[in-house]
Protein backbone atom coordinates (compact mmCIF):
# COMPACT_ATOMS: atom_id res chain seq x y z
CA MET A 1 -33.32 -12.63 22.99
CA ILE A 2 -34.85 -9.75 21.04
CA ALA A 3 -32.43 -7.13 19.70
CA LEU A 4 -34.05 -3.81 18.83
CA THR A 5 -32.86 -0.32 17.98
CA LEU A 6 -34.62 2.63 19.60
CA TYR A 7 -34.25 5.97 17.82
CA THR A 8 -34.58 8.56 20.55
CA THR A 9 -33.39 11.88 21.87
CA LEU A 10 -32.46 13.17 25.30
CA GLY A 11 -35.44 13.71 27.59
CA CYS A 12 -37.96 11.89 25.39
CA HIS A 13 -40.60 10.70 27.85
CA LEU A 14 -42.47 8.85 25.11
CA CYS A 15 -39.28 6.91 24.39
CA GLU A 16 -39.05 5.91 28.04
CA GLN A 17 -42.70 4.83 27.95
CA LEU A 18 -42.09 2.76 24.82
CA GLU A 19 -39.04 1.10 26.34
CA ALA A 20 -41.05 0.06 29.40
CA LEU A 21 -43.91 -1.26 27.26
CA VAL A 22 -41.59 -3.30 25.05
CA ARG A 23 -40.01 -4.95 28.06
CA GLN A 24 -43.43 -5.62 29.58
CA LEU A 25 -45.02 -7.09 26.44
CA ALA A 26 -42.13 -9.08 25.01
CA ASN A 27 -42.14 -12.84 25.53
CA GLN A 28 -38.36 -12.93 25.98
CA ALA A 29 -35.49 -10.71 27.07
CA VAL A 30 -35.07 -7.47 25.13
CA VAL A 31 -31.84 -5.69 24.32
CA LEU A 32 -32.44 -2.12 23.20
CA THR A 33 -29.73 -0.13 21.49
CA ALA A 34 -30.57 3.55 21.84
CA VAL A 35 -29.52 5.78 18.96
CA GLU A 36 -29.40 9.50 19.78
CA ILE A 37 -30.78 11.29 16.72
CA SER A 38 -29.85 14.84 17.74
CA ASN A 39 -26.16 14.18 16.97
CA ASP A 40 -26.78 13.45 13.30
CA ASP A 41 -28.55 15.74 10.80
CA THR A 42 -29.62 12.80 8.63
CA LEU A 43 -31.22 11.02 11.59
CA MET A 44 -32.88 14.26 12.71
CA ALA A 45 -34.40 14.74 9.28
CA ARG A 46 -35.62 11.16 9.20
CA TYR A 47 -36.85 10.65 12.78
CA ALA A 48 -37.41 14.01 14.51
CA GLN A 49 -41.18 14.02 13.94
CA ARG A 50 -41.58 10.26 14.38
CA ILE A 51 -39.76 9.34 17.61
CA PRO A 52 -39.83 7.06 19.37
CA VAL A 53 -39.04 4.63 16.57
CA LEU A 54 -38.26 0.94 17.10
CA ALA A 55 -36.42 -1.04 14.47
CA ASP A 56 -35.88 -4.79 14.39
CA ALA A 57 -32.77 -6.54 13.09
CA GLU A 58 -34.20 -6.50 9.54
CA GLY A 59 -34.71 -2.73 9.69
CA LYS A 60 -38.51 -2.89 9.89
CA GLU A 61 -39.62 0.14 11.87
CA LEU A 62 -42.47 1.04 14.17
CA ASP A 63 -42.90 4.74 14.78
CA ARG A 64 -44.86 6.10 17.70
CA GLY A 65 -44.90 2.62 19.24
CA PHE A 66 -46.04 3.88 22.63
CA ASP A 67 -49.60 3.06 21.50
CA VAL A 68 -50.15 -0.34 23.15
CA GLU A 69 -52.28 -1.82 20.37
CA ARG A 70 -49.83 -0.82 17.61
CA LEU A 71 -46.87 -2.10 19.60
CA ALA A 72 -48.64 -5.37 20.40
CA ALA A 73 -49.48 -5.93 16.72
CA TRP A 74 -45.86 -5.19 15.72
CA LEU A 75 -44.49 -7.61 18.33
CA GLU A 76 -47.07 -10.27 17.48
CA ALA A 77 -46.16 -10.15 13.77
CA ARG A 78 -42.63 -11.16 14.81
CA GLY A 79 -43.70 -13.83 17.32
CA TRP A 80 -42.49 -11.74 20.27
CA LEU A 81 -45.76 -10.85 22.01
CA ASP A 82 -46.58 -12.18 25.47
CA GLN A 83 -50.36 -12.53 25.19
CA ALA A 84 -50.84 -12.88 28.95
CA ALA A 85 -48.93 -9.63 29.57
CA LEU A 86 -51.03 -7.84 26.96
CA GLN A 87 -54.24 -9.17 28.50
CA ALA A 88 -53.14 -8.04 31.96
CA LEU A 89 -52.24 -4.61 30.64
CA MET A 90 -55.51 -4.16 28.77
CA SER A 91 -57.77 -5.50 31.54
CA PRO A 92 -59.19 -2.97 33.95
CA PRO A 93 -58.00 -3.39 37.52
CA GLU A 94 -60.26 -5.25 39.91
CA PRO A 95 -62.23 -2.85 42.09
CA GLU A 96 -61.29 -2.93 45.74
CA PRO A 97 -64.02 -4.36 47.97
CA ALA A 98 -65.97 -1.80 49.93
CA LYS A 99 -64.80 -1.40 53.48
CA LEU A 100 -67.58 -2.00 55.95
CA ALA A 101 -68.39 -0.11 59.10
CA TYR A 102 -66.94 -1.40 62.34
CA THR A 103 -67.43 -0.70 66.02
CA HIS A 104 -64.62 0.15 68.43
CA ASN A 105 -65.09 1.11 72.09
CA GLY A 106 -68.79 1.58 71.58
CA ARG A 107 -68.38 3.91 68.58
CA ARG A 108 -69.28 3.10 65.01
CA TYR A 109 -66.74 3.92 62.33
CA LEU A 110 -67.20 3.80 58.59
CA GLY A 111 -64.42 2.03 56.71
């Protein structure tokens, strides 16, 4: 299990995005402890311009980790990256096959 700290603030959509990406790219279960920075002047001074910030158990931080490539590199350096999940995330979706025309009751319809 991966234990991480997420420095965040209320209504931070980038923090929500980061949380979802971490859970998607991690190769094991993730436990995130959210720390609200707006309640502490010291945390505000340190993190206000950098959130979302992830910190591992050793205190190593990743700021603005919502960038997939930066997050993937940070997770990989710790042995926590699910390569298949990263590949699936980075691969463009398969195009849907073109729908062909069909005939119904003597009329031709385009798919």
